PDB file of all heavy atoms in Angstrom:
ATOM      1  N   ARG A   1       6.867  -9.557 -13.028  1.00  0.00           N
ATOM      2  CA  ARG A   1       7.137 -10.806 -12.296  1.00  0.00           C
ATOM      3  C   ARG A   1       6.491 -10.872 -10.928  1.00  0.00           C
ATOM      4  O   ARG A   1       6.715 -11.816 -10.159  1.00  0.00           O
ATOM      5  CB  ARG A   1       8.638 -11.043 -12.176  1.00  0.00           C
ATOM      6  CG  ARG A   1       9.368 -11.215 -13.504  1.00  0.00           C
ATOM      7  CD  ARG A   1      10.866 -11.415 -13.365  1.00  0.00           C
ATOM      8  NE  ARG A   1      11.549 -10.519 -12.461  1.00  0.00           N
ATOM      9  CZ  ARG A   1      11.947  -9.292 -12.759  1.00  0.00           C
ATOM     10  NH1 ARG A   1      11.719  -8.790 -13.932  1.00  0.00           N
ATOM     11  NH2 ARG A   1      12.604  -8.563 -11.883  1.00  0.00           N
ATOM     12  N   HIS A   2       5.682  -9.843 -10.529  1.00  0.00           N
ATOM     13  CA  HIS A   2       5.082  -9.857  -9.187  1.00  0.00           C
ATOM     14  C   HIS A   2       3.588  -9.601  -9.171  1.00  0.00           C
ATOM     15  O   HIS A   2       2.965  -9.791  -8.131  1.00  0.00           O
ATOM     16  CB  HIS A   2       5.800  -8.843  -8.302  1.00  0.00           C
ATOM     17  CG  HIS A   2       7.229  -9.155  -8.104  1.00  0.00           C
ATOM     18  ND1 HIS A   2       7.691 -10.208  -7.347  1.00  0.00           N
ATOM     19  CD2 HIS A   2       8.348  -8.552  -8.610  1.00  0.00           C
ATOM     20  CE1 HIS A   2       9.000 -10.262  -7.378  1.00  0.00           C
ATOM     21  NE2 HIS A   2       9.431  -9.267  -8.157  1.00  0.00           N
ATOM     22  N   GLY A   3       3.017  -9.148 -10.253  1.00  0.00           N
ATOM     23  CA  GLY A   3       1.574  -8.881 -10.275  1.00  0.00           C
ATOM     24  C   GLY A   3       1.235  -7.420 -10.124  1.00  0.00           C
ATOM     25  O   GLY A   3       2.126  -6.550 -10.214  1.00  0.00           O
ATOM     26  N   CYS A   4      -0.033  -7.142  -9.906  1.00  0.00           N
ATOM     27  CA  CYS A   4      -0.451  -5.727  -9.814  1.00  0.00           C
ATOM     28  C   CYS A   4      -0.389  -5.258  -8.344  1.00  0.00           C
ATOM     29  O   CYS A   4      -0.386  -6.035  -7.411  1.00  0.00           O
ATOM     30  CB  CYS A   4      -1.835  -5.523 -10.389  1.00  0.00           C
ATOM     31  SG  CYS A   4      -3.193  -6.150  -9.419  1.00  0.00           S
ATOM     32  N   ALA A   5      -0.330  -3.939  -8.217  1.00  0.00           N
ATOM     33  CA  ALA A   5      -0.144  -3.301  -6.907  1.00  0.00           C
ATOM     34  C   ALA A   5      -1.227  -3.750  -5.917  1.00  0.00           C
ATOM     35  O   ALA A   5      -0.931  -4.078  -4.771  1.00  0.00           O
ATOM     36  CB  ALA A   5      -0.140  -1.795  -7.012  1.00  0.00           C
ATOM     37  N   ARG A   6      -2.485  -3.757  -6.387  1.00  0.00           N
ATOM     38  CA  ARG A   6      -3.582  -4.147  -5.484  1.00  0.00           C
ATOM     39  C   ARG A   6      -3.392  -5.522  -4.900  1.00  0.00           C
ATOM     40  O   ARG A   6      -3.598  -5.767  -3.728  1.00  0.00           O
ATOM     41  CB  ARG A   6      -4.930  -4.020  -6.200  1.00  0.00           C
ATOM     42  CG  ARG A   6      -6.057  -4.446  -5.306  1.00  0.00           C
ATOM     43  CD  ARG A   6      -7.439  -4.422  -5.993  1.00  0.00           C
ATOM     44  NE  ARG A   6      -7.427  -5.004  -7.291  1.00  0.00           N
ATOM     45  CZ  ARG A   6      -7.806  -4.410  -8.402  1.00  0.00           C
ATOM     46  NH1 ARG A   6      -8.206  -3.172  -8.393  1.00  0.00           N
ATOM     47  NH2 ARG A   6      -7.746  -5.022  -9.559  1.00  0.00           N
ATOM     48  N   ASP A   7      -2.972  -6.474  -5.713  1.00  0.00           N
ATOM     49  CA  ASP A   7      -2.755  -7.851  -5.234  1.00  0.00           C
ATOM     50  C   ASP A   7      -1.589  -7.951  -4.271  1.00  0.00           C
ATOM     51  O   ASP A   7      -1.605  -8.808  -3.364  1.00  0.00           O
ATOM     52  CB  ASP A   7      -2.537  -8.809  -6.426  1.00  0.00           C
ATOM     53  CG  ASP A   7      -3.774  -8.932  -7.284  1.00  0.00           C
ATOM     54  OD1 ASP A   7      -4.891  -8.610  -6.832  1.00  0.00           O
ATOM     55  OD2 ASP A   7      -3.608  -9.345  -8.463  1.00  0.00           O
ATOM     56  N   LEU A   8      -0.627  -7.054  -4.423  1.00  0.00           N
ATOM     57  CA  LEU A   8       0.549  -7.092  -3.518  1.00  0.00           C
ATOM     58  C   LEU A   8       0.206  -6.602  -2.126  1.00  0.00           C
ATOM     59  O   LEU A   8       0.910  -6.872  -1.167  1.00  0.00           O
ATOM     60  CB  LEU A   8       1.696  -6.304  -4.103  1.00  0.00           C
ATOM     61  CG  LEU A   8       2.334  -6.888  -5.345  1.00  0.00           C
ATOM     62  CD1 LEU A   8       3.371  -5.942  -5.903  1.00  0.00           C
ATOM     63  CD2 LEU A   8       2.945  -8.230  -5.030  1.00  0.00           C
ATOM     64  N   LEU A   9      -0.902  -5.858  -2.001  1.00  0.00           N
ATOM     65  CA  LEU A   9      -1.352  -5.397  -0.679  1.00  0.00           C
ATOM     66  C   LEU A   9      -1.545  -6.574   0.299  1.00  0.00           C
ATOM     67  O   LEU A   9      -1.324  -6.429   1.479  1.00  0.00           O
ATOM     68  CB  LEU A   9      -2.639  -4.626  -0.758  1.00  0.00           C
ATOM     69  CG  LEU A   9      -2.574  -3.175  -1.192  1.00  0.00           C
ATOM     70  CD1 LEU A   9      -3.985  -2.628  -1.418  1.00  0.00           C
ATOM     71  CD2 LEU A   9      -1.784  -2.354  -0.209  1.00  0.00           C
ATOM     72  N   GLN A  10      -1.907  -7.716  -0.231  1.00  0.00           N
ATOM     73  CA  GLN A  10      -2.154  -8.903   0.582  1.00  0.00           C
ATOM     74  C   GLN A  10      -0.835  -9.526   1.083  1.00  0.00           C
ATOM     75  O   GLN A  10      -0.838 -10.310   2.021  1.00  0.00           O
ATOM     76  CB  GLN A  10      -2.942  -9.962  -0.180  1.00  0.00           C
ATOM     77  CG  GLN A  10      -4.173  -9.453  -0.890  1.00  0.00           C
ATOM     78  CD  GLN A  10      -5.102  -8.682   0.009  1.00  0.00           C
ATOM     79  OE1 GLN A  10      -5.400  -9.072   1.105  1.00  0.00           O
ATOM     80  NE2 GLN A  10      -5.537  -7.537  -0.483  1.00  0.00           N
ATOM     81  N   LYS A  11       0.268  -9.174   0.441  1.00  0.00           N
ATOM     82  CA  LYS A  11       1.564  -9.772   0.744  1.00  0.00           C
ATOM     83  C   LYS A  11       2.486  -8.906   1.588  1.00  0.00           C
ATOM     84  O   LYS A  11       3.557  -9.343   1.972  1.00  0.00           O
ATOM     85  CB  LYS A  11       2.270 -10.133  -0.565  1.00  0.00           C
ATOM     86  CG  LYS A  11       1.484 -11.160  -1.408  1.00  0.00           C
ATOM     87  CD  LYS A  11       2.176 -11.445  -2.708  1.00  0.00           C
ATOM     88  CE  LYS A  11       1.340 -12.422  -3.505  1.00  0.00           C
ATOM     89  NZ  LYS A  11       1.974 -12.743  -4.782  1.00  0.00           N
ATOM     90  N   VAL A  12       2.058  -7.689   1.849  1.00  0.00           N
ATOM     91  CA  VAL A  12       2.883  -6.765   2.685  1.00  0.00           C
ATOM     92  C   VAL A  12       2.121  -6.452   3.962  1.00  0.00           C
ATOM     93  O   VAL A  12       0.912  -6.662   4.059  1.00  0.00           O
ATOM     94  CB  VAL A  12       3.233  -5.460   1.949  1.00  0.00           C
ATOM     95  CG1 VAL A  12       4.081  -5.764   0.739  1.00  0.00           C
ATOM     96  CG2 VAL A  12       2.001  -4.664   1.606  1.00  0.00           C
ATOM     97  N   ASP A  13       2.798  -5.965   4.952  1.00  0.00           N
ATOM     98  CA  ASP A  13       2.163  -5.570   6.225  1.00  0.00           C
ATOM     99  C   ASP A  13       1.692  -4.150   6.116  1.00  0.00           C
ATOM    100  O   ASP A  13       2.357  -3.198   6.523  1.00  0.00           O
ATOM    101  CB  ASP A  13       3.184  -5.712   7.359  1.00  0.00           C
ATOM    102  CG  ASP A  13       2.616  -5.332   8.685  1.00  0.00           C
ATOM    103  OD1 ASP A  13       1.377  -5.121   8.802  1.00  0.00           O
ATOM    104  OD2 ASP A  13       3.419  -5.227   9.658  1.00  0.00           O
ATOM    105  N   ALA A  14       0.499  -3.982   5.471  1.00  0.00           N
ATOM    106  CA  ALA A  14      -0.066  -2.665   5.257  1.00  0.00           C
ATOM    107  C   ALA A  14      -0.286  -1.910   6.566  1.00  0.00           C
ATOM    108  O   ALA A  14      -0.284  -0.650   6.571  1.00  0.00           O
ATOM    109  CB  ALA A  14      -1.353  -2.771   4.459  1.00  0.00           C
ATOM    110  N   ALA A  15      -0.458  -2.621   7.660  1.00  0.00           N
ATOM    111  CA  ALA A  15      -0.692  -1.966   8.961  1.00  0.00           C
ATOM    112  C   ALA A  15       0.614  -1.294   9.466  1.00  0.00           C
ATOM    113  O   ALA A  15       0.569  -0.512  10.414  1.00  0.00           O
ATOM    114  CB  ALA A  15      -1.189  -2.957   9.978  1.00  0.00           C
ATOM    115  N   SER A  16       1.732  -1.565   8.809  1.00  0.00           N
ATOM    116  CA  SER A  16       3.005  -0.995   9.269  1.00  0.00           C
ATOM    117  C   SER A  16       3.184   0.458   8.751  1.00  0.00           C
ATOM    118  O   SER A  16       4.149   1.117   9.122  1.00  0.00           O
ATOM    119  CB  SER A  16       4.194  -1.865   8.789  1.00  0.00           C
ATOM    120  OG  SER A  16       4.323  -1.800   7.393  1.00  0.00           O
ATOM    121  N   VAL A  17       2.282   0.915   7.924  1.00  0.00           N
ATOM    122  CA  VAL A  17       2.328   2.304   7.470  1.00  0.00           C
ATOM    123  C   VAL A  17       1.039   2.995   7.875  1.00  0.00           C
ATOM    124  O   VAL A  17      -0.027   2.409   7.932  1.00  0.00           O
ATOM    125  CB  VAL A  17       2.505   2.413   5.927  1.00  0.00           C
ATOM    126  CG1 VAL A  17       3.856   1.826   5.520  1.00  0.00           C
ATOM    127  CG2 VAL A  17       1.402   1.786   5.163  1.00  0.00           C
ATOM    128  N   THR A  18       1.164   4.274   8.195  1.00  0.00           N
ATOM    129  CA  THR A  18       0.033   5.078   8.648  1.00  0.00           C
ATOM    130  C   THR A  18      -0.214   6.220   7.675  1.00  0.00           C
ATOM    131  O   THR A  18       0.685   7.028   7.421  1.00  0.00           O
ATOM    132  CB  THR A  18       0.318   5.667  10.056  1.00  0.00           C
ATOM    133  OG1 THR A  18       0.629   4.615  10.922  1.00  0.00           O
ATOM    134  CG2 THR A  18      -0.895   6.468  10.543  1.00  0.00           C
ATOM    135  N   ARG A  19      -1.416   6.295   7.131  1.00  0.00           N
ATOM    136  CA  ARG A  19      -1.750   7.376   6.222  1.00  0.00           C
ATOM    137  C   ARG A  19      -1.936   8.662   7.014  1.00  0.00           C
ATOM    138  O   ARG A  19      -2.661   8.721   7.990  1.00  0.00           O
ATOM    139  CB  ARG A  19      -3.057   7.005   5.485  1.00  0.00           C
ATOM    140  CG  ARG A  19      -3.444   8.016   4.459  1.00  0.00           C
ATOM    141  CD  ARG A  19      -4.655   7.529   3.707  1.00  0.00           C
ATOM    142  NE  ARG A  19      -5.134   8.582   2.804  1.00  0.00           N
ATOM    143  CZ  ARG A  19      -6.195   8.447   2.086  1.00  0.00           C
ATOM    144  NH1 ARG A  19      -6.942   7.361   2.134  1.00  0.00           N
ATOM    145  NH2 ARG A  19      -6.545   9.429   1.304  1.00  0.00           N
ATOM    146  N   LEU A  20      -1.281   9.737   6.571  1.00  0.00           N
ATOM    147  CA  LEU A  20      -1.312  11.018   7.277  1.00  0.00           C
ATOM    148  C   LEU A  20      -2.300  12.020   6.671  1.00  0.00           C
ATOM    149  O   LEU A  20      -2.921  12.779   7.394  1.00  0.00           O
ATOM    150  CB  LEU A  20       0.090  11.622   7.339  1.00  0.00           C
ATOM    151  CG  LEU A  20       1.128  10.789   8.019  1.00  0.00           C
ATOM    152  CD1 LEU A  20       2.449  11.544   8.033  1.00  0.00           C
ATOM    153  CD2 LEU A  20       0.702  10.432   9.431  1.00  0.00           C
ATOM    154  N   HIS A  21      -2.340  12.074   5.362  1.00  0.00           N
ATOM    155  CA  HIS A  21      -3.119  13.121   4.691  1.00  0.00           C
ATOM    156  C   HIS A  21      -3.788  12.517   3.487  1.00  0.00           C
ATOM    157  O   HIS A  21      -3.457  11.434   3.031  1.00  0.00           O
ATOM    158  CB  HIS A  21      -2.200  14.253   4.167  1.00  0.00           C
ATOM    159  CG  HIS A  21      -1.438  14.971   5.210  1.00  0.00           C
ATOM    160  ND1 HIS A  21      -1.994  15.831   6.106  1.00  0.00           N
ATOM    161  CD2 HIS A  21      -0.102  14.971   5.515  1.00  0.00           C
ATOM    162  CE1 HIS A  21      -1.079  16.352   6.881  1.00  0.00           C
ATOM    163  NE2 HIS A  21       0.060  15.812   6.549  1.00  0.00           N
ATOM    164  N   THR A  22      -4.658  13.327   2.925  1.00  0.00           N
ATOM    165  CA  THR A  22      -5.105  12.974   1.557  1.00  0.00           C
ATOM    166  C   THR A  22      -3.937  13.264   0.658  1.00  0.00           C
ATOM    167  O   THR A  22      -2.852  13.578   1.124  1.00  0.00           O
ATOM    168  CB  THR A  22      -6.363  13.775   1.199  1.00  0.00           C
ATOM    169  OG1 THR A  22      -6.046  15.153   1.323  1.00  0.00           O
ATOM    170  CG2 THR A  22      -7.542  13.410   2.028  1.00  0.00           C
ATOM    171  N   ARG A  23      -4.107  13.175  -0.605  1.00  0.00           N
ATOM    172  CA  ARG A  23      -2.989  13.280  -1.539  1.00  0.00           C
ATOM    173  C   ARG A  23      -2.176  14.593  -1.340  1.00  0.00           C
ATOM    174  O   ARG A  23      -2.742  15.583  -0.997  1.00  0.00           O
ATOM    175  CB  ARG A  23      -3.487  13.204  -2.949  1.00  0.00           C
ATOM    176  CG  ARG A  23      -4.107  11.835  -3.163  1.00  0.00           C
ATOM    177  CD  ARG A  23      -4.434  11.546  -4.556  1.00  0.00           C
ATOM    178  NE  ARG A  23      -4.948  10.145  -4.595  1.00  0.00           N
ATOM    179  CZ  ARG A  23      -5.744   9.685  -5.460  1.00  0.00           C
ATOM    180  NH1 ARG A  23      -6.139  10.444  -6.465  1.00  0.00           N
ATOM    181  NH2 ARG A  23      -6.154   8.488  -5.389  1.00  0.00           N
ATOM    182  N   ILE A  24      -0.922  14.483  -1.601  1.00  0.00           N
ATOM    183  CA  ILE A  24      -0.041  15.655  -1.459  1.00  0.00           C
ATOM    184  C   ILE A  24      -0.391  16.632  -2.581  1.00  0.00           C
ATOM    185  O   ILE A  24      -0.542  16.200  -3.724  1.00  0.00           O
ATOM    186  CB  ILE A  24       1.444  15.335  -1.574  1.00  0.00           C
ATOM    187  CG1 ILE A  24       1.785  13.910  -1.825  1.00  0.00           C
ATOM    188  CG2 ILE A  24       2.268  15.889  -0.451  1.00  0.00           C
ATOM    189  CD1 ILE A  24       3.234  13.668  -2.005  1.00  0.00           C
ATOM    190  N   GLU A  25      -0.463  17.845  -2.227  1.00  0.00           N
ATOM    191  CA  GLU A  25      -0.806  18.888  -3.196  1.00  0.00           C
ATOM    192  C   GLU A  25       0.512  19.385  -3.780  1.00  0.00           C
ATOM    193  O   GLU A  25       1.489  19.476  -3.108  1.00  0.00           O
ATOM    194  CB  GLU A  25      -1.550  20.020  -2.544  1.00  0.00           C
ATOM    195  CG  GLU A  25      -2.874  19.637  -1.950  1.00  0.00           C
ATOM    196  CD  GLU A  25      -3.463  20.775  -1.147  1.00  0.00           C
ATOM    197  OE1 GLU A  25      -3.149  21.934  -1.443  1.00  0.00           O
ATOM    198  OE2 GLU A  25      -4.244  20.471  -0.236  1.00  0.00           O
TER     199      GLU A  25
END
């Protein structure tokens, strides 16, 4: 009912999260 994850990036405030690392091991 909401679409794919990539399209939802446009609807959330992605700048409100900060990436810290590459993928968790």
